[in-house]
C-alpha atoms as a PDB file:
ATOM      1  CA  MET A   1     -18.719  30.902  20.869  1.00  0.00           C
ATOM      2  CA  ALA A   2     -19.894  28.287  18.353  1.00  0.00           C
ATOM      3  CA  ILE A   3     -17.834  29.908  15.537  1.00  0.00           C
ATOM      4  CA  LYS A   4     -14.697  29.727  17.847  1.00  0.00           C
ATOM      5  CA  ASP A   5     -15.450  25.976  18.407  1.00  0.00           C
ATOM      6  CA  GLN A   6     -15.753  25.354  14.517  1.00  0.00           C
ATOM      7  CA  VAL A   7     -12.442  27.178  13.984  1.00  0.00           C
ATOM      8  CA  ALA A   8     -10.773  24.984  16.562  1.00  0.00           C
ATOM      9  CA  GLY A   9     -12.338  21.961  15.212  1.00  0.00           C
ATOM     10  CA  ARG A  10     -11.053  22.800  11.817  1.00  0.00           C
ATOM     11  CA  ASN A  11      -7.540  23.655  13.132  1.00  0.00           C
ATOM     12  CA  ARG A  12      -7.529  20.225  14.939  1.00  0.00           C
ATOM     13  CA  ALA A  13      -8.542  18.327  11.890  1.00  0.00           C
ATOM     14  CA  GLY A  14      -5.866  20.171   9.918  1.00  0.00           C
ATOM     15  CA  TRP A  15      -3.287  19.128  12.432  1.00  0.00           C
ATOM     16  CA  LEU A  16      -4.498  15.698  12.256  1.00  0.00           C
ATOM     17  CA  VAL A  17      -4.057  15.495   8.587  1.00  0.00           C
ATOM     18  CA  VAL A  18      -0.683  16.860   8.847  1.00  0.00           C
ATOM     19  CA  ALA A  19       0.282  14.388  11.593  1.00  0.00           C
ATOM     20  CA  SER A  20      -0.874  11.357   9.529  1.00  0.00           C
ATOM     21  CA  PHE A  21       1.046  12.642   6.525  1.00  0.00           C
ATOM     22  CA  LEU A  22       4.255  13.243   8.506  1.00  0.00           C
ATOM     23  CA  VAL A  23       4.015   9.626   9.890  1.00  0.00           C
ATOM     24  CA  GLY A  24       3.595   8.198   6.432  1.00  0.00           C
ATOM     25  CA  ALA A  25       6.485  10.445   5.035  1.00  0.00           C
ATOM     26  CA  LEU A  26       8.716   9.250   7.867  1.00  0.00           C
ATOM     27  CA  VAL A  27       7.934   5.569   7.266  1.00  0.00           C
ATOM     28  CA  ALA A  28       8.521   6.106   3.308  1.00  0.00           C
ATOM     29  CA  VAL A  29      11.850   7.824   3.963  1.00  0.00           C
ATOM     30  CA  ALA A  30      12.934   5.418   6.553  1.00  0.00           C
ATOM     31  CA  LEU A  31      12.284   2.448   4.118  1.00  0.00           C
ATOM     32  CA  GLY A  32      14.038   4.240   1.363  1.00  0.00           C
ATOM     33  CA  ALA A  33      16.897   5.072   3.483  1.00  0.00           C
ATOM     34  CA  TYR A  34      17.217   1.440   4.818  1.00  0.00           C
ATOM     35  CA  GLY A  35      16.987   0.236   1.237  1.00  0.00           C
ATOM     36  CA  ARG A  36      19.746   2.564   0.006  1.00  0.00           C
ATOM     37  CA  THR A  37      22.193   2.167   2.946  1.00  0.00           C
ATOM     38  CA  HIS A  38      21.575  -1.774   3.738  1.00  0.00           C
ATOM     39  CA  THR A  39      23.973  -3.771   1.963  1.00  0.00           C
ATOM     40  CA  PRO A  40      21.787  -6.157  -0.108  1.00  0.00           C
ATOM     41  CA  THR A  41      22.350  -9.921   0.622  1.00  0.00           C
ATOM     42  CA  GLY A  42      21.438 -11.030  -2.891  1.00  0.00           C
ATOM     43  CA  ARG A  43      20.025 -14.082  -1.428  1.00  0.00           C
ATOM     44  CA  PRO A  44      16.249 -15.229  -1.425  1.00  0.00           C
ATOM     45  CA  LEU A  45      14.343 -15.707   1.730  1.00  0.00           C
ATOM     46  CA  ALA A  46      14.649 -19.199   3.346  1.00  0.00           C
ATOM     47  CA  LEU A  47      10.957 -19.737   2.774  1.00  0.00           C
ATOM     48  CA  ILE A  48       9.436 -19.646  -0.670  1.00  0.00           C
ATOM     49  CA  ILE A  49       5.918 -21.027   0.426  1.00  0.00           C
ATOM     50  CA  GLY A  50       5.866 -23.837  -2.211  1.00  0.00           C
ATOM     51  CA  PHE A  51       6.820 -21.787  -5.201  1.00  0.00           C
ATOM     52  CA  SER A  52       9.702 -22.669  -7.676  1.00  0.00           C
ATOM     53  CA  GLY A  53      11.706 -19.601  -6.625  1.00  0.00           C
ATOM     54  CA  MET A  54      11.643 -16.340  -5.009  1.00  0.00           C
ATOM     55  CA  ALA A  55      10.770 -14.496  -8.188  1.00  0.00           C
ATOM     56  CA  PRO A  56       7.517 -16.461  -8.938  1.00  0.00           C
ATOM     57  CA  MET A  57       6.546 -16.334  -5.462  1.00  0.00           C
ATOM     58  CA  LYS A  58       6.844 -12.446  -5.380  1.00  0.00           C
ATOM     59  CA  ALA A  59       4.999 -12.023  -8.689  1.00  0.00           C
ATOM     60  CA  TRP A  60       2.069 -14.272  -7.518  1.00  0.00           C
ATOM     61  CA  LEU A  61       1.781 -12.861  -4.057  1.00  0.00           C
ATOM     62  CA  ALA A  62       1.812  -9.369  -5.442  1.00  0.00           C
ATOM     63  CA  THR A  63      -0.859 -10.497  -8.022  1.00  0.00           C
ATOM     64  CA  ALA A  64      -3.035 -11.821  -5.094  1.00  0.00           C
ATOM     65  CA  ALA A  65      -2.535  -8.458  -3.214  1.00  0.00           C
ATOM     66  CA  VAL A  66      -3.792  -6.507  -6.186  1.00  0.00           C
ATOM     67  CA  ALA A  67      -6.890  -8.918  -6.515  1.00  0.00           C
ATOM     68  CA  LEU A  68      -7.467  -8.094  -2.833  1.00  0.00           C
ATOM     69  CA  ALA A  69      -6.796  -4.436  -3.319  1.00  0.00           C
ATOM     70  CA  THR A  70      -9.344  -4.685  -6.265  1.00  0.00           C
ATOM     71  CA  VAL A  71     -12.045  -5.904  -3.644  1.00  0.00           C
ATOM     72  CA  GLN A  72     -10.982  -3.181  -1.393  1.00  0.00           C
ATOM     73  CA  LEU A  73     -11.727  -0.608  -3.966  1.00  0.00           C
ATOM     74  CA  PHE A  74     -15.166  -2.010  -4.872  1.00  0.00           C
ATOM     75  CA  SER A  75     -16.140  -2.555  -1.243  1.00  0.00           C
ATOM     76  CA  ALA A  76     -15.179   0.912  -0.425  1.00  0.00           C
ATOM     77  CA  LEU A  77     -17.019   2.341  -3.290  1.00  0.00           C
ATOM     78  CA  TRP A  78     -20.106   0.393  -2.449  1.00  0.00           C
ATOM     79  CA  MET A  79     -19.761   1.457   1.351  1.00  0.00           C
ATOM     80  CA  TRP A  80     -19.543   5.019   0.278  1.00  0.00           C
ATOM     81  CA  GLY A  81     -22.332   4.734  -2.041  1.00  0.00           C
ATOM     82  CA  ARG A  82     -20.457   5.427  -5.146  1.00  0.00           C
ATOM     83  CA  LEU A  83     -20.991   2.130  -7.032  1.00  0.00           C
ATOM     84  CA  PRO A  84     -23.500   2.924  -9.671  1.00  0.00           C
ATOM     85  CA  GLY A  85     -26.495   0.355  -9.661  1.00  0.00           C
ATOM     86  CA  CYS A  86     -25.602  -1.434  -6.479  1.00  0.00           C
ATOM     87  CA  GLY A  87     -27.870   0.378  -4.025  1.00  0.00           C
ATOM     88  CA  ARG A  88     -27.194   0.342  -0.428  1.00  0.00           C
ATOM     89  CA  ALA A  89     -24.231  -1.999   0.795  1.00  0.00           C
ATOM     90  CA  PRO A  90     -25.175  -4.926   2.895  1.00  0.00           C
ATOM     91  CA  SER A  91     -23.774  -5.018   6.467  1.00  0.00           C
ATOM     92  CA  TRP A  92     -21.238  -7.731   5.530  1.00  0.00           C
ATOM     93  CA  ILE A  93     -19.372  -5.531   3.198  1.00  0.00           C
ATOM     94  CA  VAL A  94     -17.567  -3.715   5.911  1.00  0.00           C
ATOM     95  CA  HIS A  95     -16.011  -6.891   7.288  1.00  0.00           C
ATOM     96  CA  ALA A  96     -15.144  -8.066   3.591  1.00  0.00           C
ATOM     97  CA  HIS A  97     -13.318  -4.700   3.203  1.00  0.00           C
ATOM     98  CA  ARG A  98     -11.491  -4.973   6.515  1.00  0.00           C
ATOM     99  CA  TRP A  99     -10.379  -8.603   5.864  1.00  0.00           C
ATOM    100  CA  SER A 100      -9.522  -8.011   2.334  1.00  0.00           C
ATOM    101  CA  GLY A 101      -7.319  -5.195   3.226  1.00  0.00           C
ATOM    102  CA  THR A 102      -5.642  -7.123   6.158  1.00  0.00           C
ATOM    103  CA  VAL A 103      -4.960 -10.099   3.938  1.00  0.00           C
ATOM    104  CA  ALA A 104      -3.735  -7.849   1.085  1.00  0.00           C
ATOM    105  CA  PHE A 105      -1.449  -6.235   3.476  1.00  0.00           C
ATOM    106  CA  LEU A 106      -0.179  -9.483   4.957  1.00  0.00           C
ATOM    107  CA  VAL A 107       0.580 -10.792   1.404  1.00  0.00           C
ATOM    108  CA  THR A 108       2.820  -7.928   0.605  1.00  0.00           C
ATOM    109  CA  LEU A 109       5.017  -8.249   3.414  1.00  0.00           C
ATOM    110  CA  PRO A 110       7.328 -11.335   2.441  1.00  0.00           C
ATOM    111  CA  VAL A 111       7.608  -9.560  -0.927  1.00  0.00           C
ATOM    112  CA  ALA A 112       8.581  -6.206   0.692  1.00  0.00           C
ATOM    113  CA  TYR A 113      10.868  -7.837   3.080  1.00  0.00           C
ATOM    114  CA  HIS A 114      12.790  -9.739   0.203  1.00  0.00           C
ATOM    115  CA  CYS A 115      12.825  -6.497  -1.842  1.00  0.00           C
ATOM    116  CA  LEU A 116      14.520  -4.533   0.980  1.00  0.00           C
ATOM    117  CA  TRP A 117      16.668  -7.294   2.463  1.00  0.00           C
ATOM    118  CA  SER A 118      17.921  -8.939  -0.604  1.00  0.00           C
ATOM    119  CA  ILE A 119      17.846  -6.169  -3.193  1.00  0.00           C
ATOM    120  CA  GLY A 120      17.657  -2.837  -1.485  1.00  0.00           C
ATOM    121  CA  PHE A 121      16.495   0.427  -3.120  1.00  0.00           C
ATOM    122  CA  TYR A 122      17.206  -0.229  -6.755  1.00  0.00           C
ATOM    123  CA  ASN A 123      17.838   2.807  -8.944  1.00  0.00           C
ATOM    124  CA  TYR A 124      19.944   1.370 -11.931  1.00  0.00           C
ATOM    125  CA  ASN A 125      16.950   1.690 -14.362  1.00  0.00           C
ATOM    126  CA  MET A 126      13.853   3.593 -14.535  1.00  0.00           C
ATOM    127  CA  ARG A 127      11.488   0.547 -14.133  1.00  0.00           C
ATOM    128  CA  ALA A 128      13.242  -0.479 -10.985  1.00  0.00           C
ATOM    129  CA  TYR A 129      13.609   3.005  -9.618  1.00  0.00           C
ATOM    130  CA  VAL A 130       9.885   3.740 -10.019  1.00  0.00           C
ATOM    131  CA  HIS A 131       9.242   0.418  -8.471  1.00  0.00           C
ATOM    132  CA  SER A 132      11.531   1.119  -5.439  1.00  0.00           C
ATOM    133  CA  LEU A 133       9.818   4.463  -5.045  1.00  0.00           C
ATOM    134  CA  ALA A 134       6.424   3.017  -5.146  1.00  0.00           C
ATOM    135  CA  GLY A 135       7.196   0.535  -2.550  1.00  0.00           C
ATOM    136  CA  CYS A 136       8.292   3.242  -0.103  1.00  0.00           C
ATOM    137  CA  PHE A 137       5.282   5.384  -0.861  1.00  0.00           C
ATOM    138  CA  PHE A 138       2.909   2.537  -0.532  1.00  0.00           C
ATOM    139  CA  TYR A 139       4.024   1.538   2.956  1.00  0.00           C
ATOM    140  CA  GLY A 140       4.100   5.286   3.897  1.00  0.00           C
ATOM    141  CA  VAL A 141       0.458   5.819   2.649  1.00  0.00           C
ATOM    142  CA  PHE A 142      -0.570   2.684   4.478  1.00  0.00           C
ATOM    143  CA  ALA A 143       0.781   4.106   7.787  1.00  0.00           C
ATOM    144  CA  SER A 144      -0.950   7.272   7.248  1.00  0.00           C
ATOM    145  CA  LYS A 145      -4.215   5.714   6.245  1.00  0.00           C
ATOM    146  CA  MET A 146      -4.040   3.259   9.386  1.00  0.00           C
ATOM    147  CA  LEU A 147      -3.283   6.245  11.645  1.00  0.00           C
ATOM    148  CA  ALA A 148      -6.258   8.248  10.153  1.00  0.00           C
ATOM    149  CA  LEU A 149      -8.469   5.477  10.832  1.00  0.00           C
ATOM    150  CA  ARG A 150      -7.716   5.628  14.575  1.00  0.00           C
ATOM    151  CA  LEU A 151      -7.973   9.470  14.861  1.00  0.00           C
ATOM    152  CA  HIS A 152     -11.280  11.245  15.536  1.00  0.00           C
ATOM    153  CA  GLY A 153     -12.057  14.298  13.517  1.00  0.00           C
ATOM    154  CA  VAL A 154     -10.117  13.821  10.398  1.00  0.00           C
ATOM    155  CA  PRO A 155     -11.764  15.377   7.409  1.00  0.00           C
ATOM    156  CA  GLY A 156     -14.024  12.925   5.367  1.00  0.00           C
ATOM    157  CA  TRP A 157     -12.012  13.100   2.252  1.00  0.00           C
ATOM    158  CA  LEU A 158      -8.906  11.683   3.875  1.00  0.00           C
ATOM    159  CA  LEU A 159      -9.739   8.004   3.980  1.00  0.00           C
ATOM    160  CA  PRO A 160     -10.999   7.935   0.347  1.00  0.00           C
ATOM    161  CA  TRP A 161      -7.938   9.731  -0.904  1.00  0.00           C
ATOM    162  CA  ALA A 162      -5.496   7.465   1.053  1.00  0.00           C
ATOM    163  CA  GLY A 163      -7.285   4.391  -0.099  1.00  0.00           C
ATOM    164  CA  GLY A 164      -7.131   5.641  -3.663  1.00  0.00           C
ATOM    165  CA  LEU A 165      -3.332   6.304  -3.346  1.00  0.00           C
ATOM    166  CA  LEU A 166      -2.735   2.899  -1.862  1.00  0.00           C
ATOM    167  CA  PHE A 167      -4.534   1.336  -4.840  1.00  0.00           C
ATOM    168  CA  ALA A 168      -2.660   3.569  -7.350  1.00  0.00           C
ATOM    169  CA  PHE A 169       0.764   2.564  -5.568  1.00  0.00           C
ATOM    170  CA  ILE A 170       0.013  -1.126  -5.361  1.00  0.00           C
ATOM    171  CA  LEU A 171      -0.823  -1.121  -9.228  1.00  0.00           C
ATOM    172  CA  VAL A 172       2.350   0.705 -10.013  1.00  0.00           C
ATOM    173  CA  LEU A 173       4.281  -1.991  -7.919  1.00  0.00           C
ATOM    174  CA  TRP A 174       2.418  -4.835  -9.663  1.00  0.00           C
ATOM    175  CA  ILE A 175       2.992  -3.424 -13.109  1.00  0.00           C
ATOM    176  CA  THR A 176       6.521  -2.633 -12.483  1.00  0.00           C
ATOM    177  CA  ALA A 177       7.515  -5.954 -11.093  1.00  0.00           C
ATOM    178  CA  SER A 178       4.848  -8.755 -11.585  1.00  0.00           C
ATOM    179  CA  VAL A 179       3.421  -7.814 -15.024  1.00  0.00           C
ATOM    180  CA  TRP A 180       7.106  -7.192 -16.133  1.00  0.00           C
ATOM    181  CA  TYR A 181       8.161 -10.654 -14.770  1.00  0.00           C
ATOM    182  CA  PHE A 182       5.409 -12.442 -16.405  1.00  0.00           C
ATOM    183  CA  SER A 183       5.985 -10.771 -19.707  1.00  0.00           C
ATOM    184  CA  GLN A 184       9.798 -11.509 -19.438  1.00  0.00           C
ATOM    185  CA  VAL A 185      10.107 -15.260 -19.420  1.00  0.00           C
ATOM    186  CA  GLY A 186      12.993 -16.280 -17.126  1.00  0.00           C
ATOM    187  CA  SER A 187      13.772 -12.733 -15.839  1.00  0.00           C
ATOM    188  CA  LEU A 188      14.748 -11.876 -12.464  1.00  0.00           C
ATOM    189  CA  LEU A 189      12.013  -9.950 -10.508  1.00  0.00           C
ATOM    190  CA  ILE A 190      12.880  -6.940  -8.279  1.00  0.00           C
END
């Protein structure tokens, strides 16, 4: 009976992984489809939050999101005991991890909204194409990770992998837009 329960538990965990990946894939595909089929407005958002324009706002908000994602990375490594020389993580690190992730996600929303609404899925050059794909994948992986956090019985490797993918995609987004913008004085940001 115990072996049967173990097999059933593994099967359930496998289905949970598949379900979380499917939800993330649906989110990524839906964003990409919307970006391709929606007629871009070409207009900036009404609110640029005190910046001189939409491009600097997006570049700086994305930079803030990457800084917060770096806090996420190091706090996760510390919580999982993978940060050399730091010993056991203090109890407050869990709260720092959650809040830095929440704020990082919220900071990305005006950027993503403008990208989808004003520009759409841009595939006219490789940098912009990689950026558009990474944006869709970022929100897909985010949906998968948030779902996996709420499911019981997911394998222990799932959350660290999802977090690592999120960090990788936000870096790609930042490099293909913000870093590019900062290095191209006066360029448009996509």
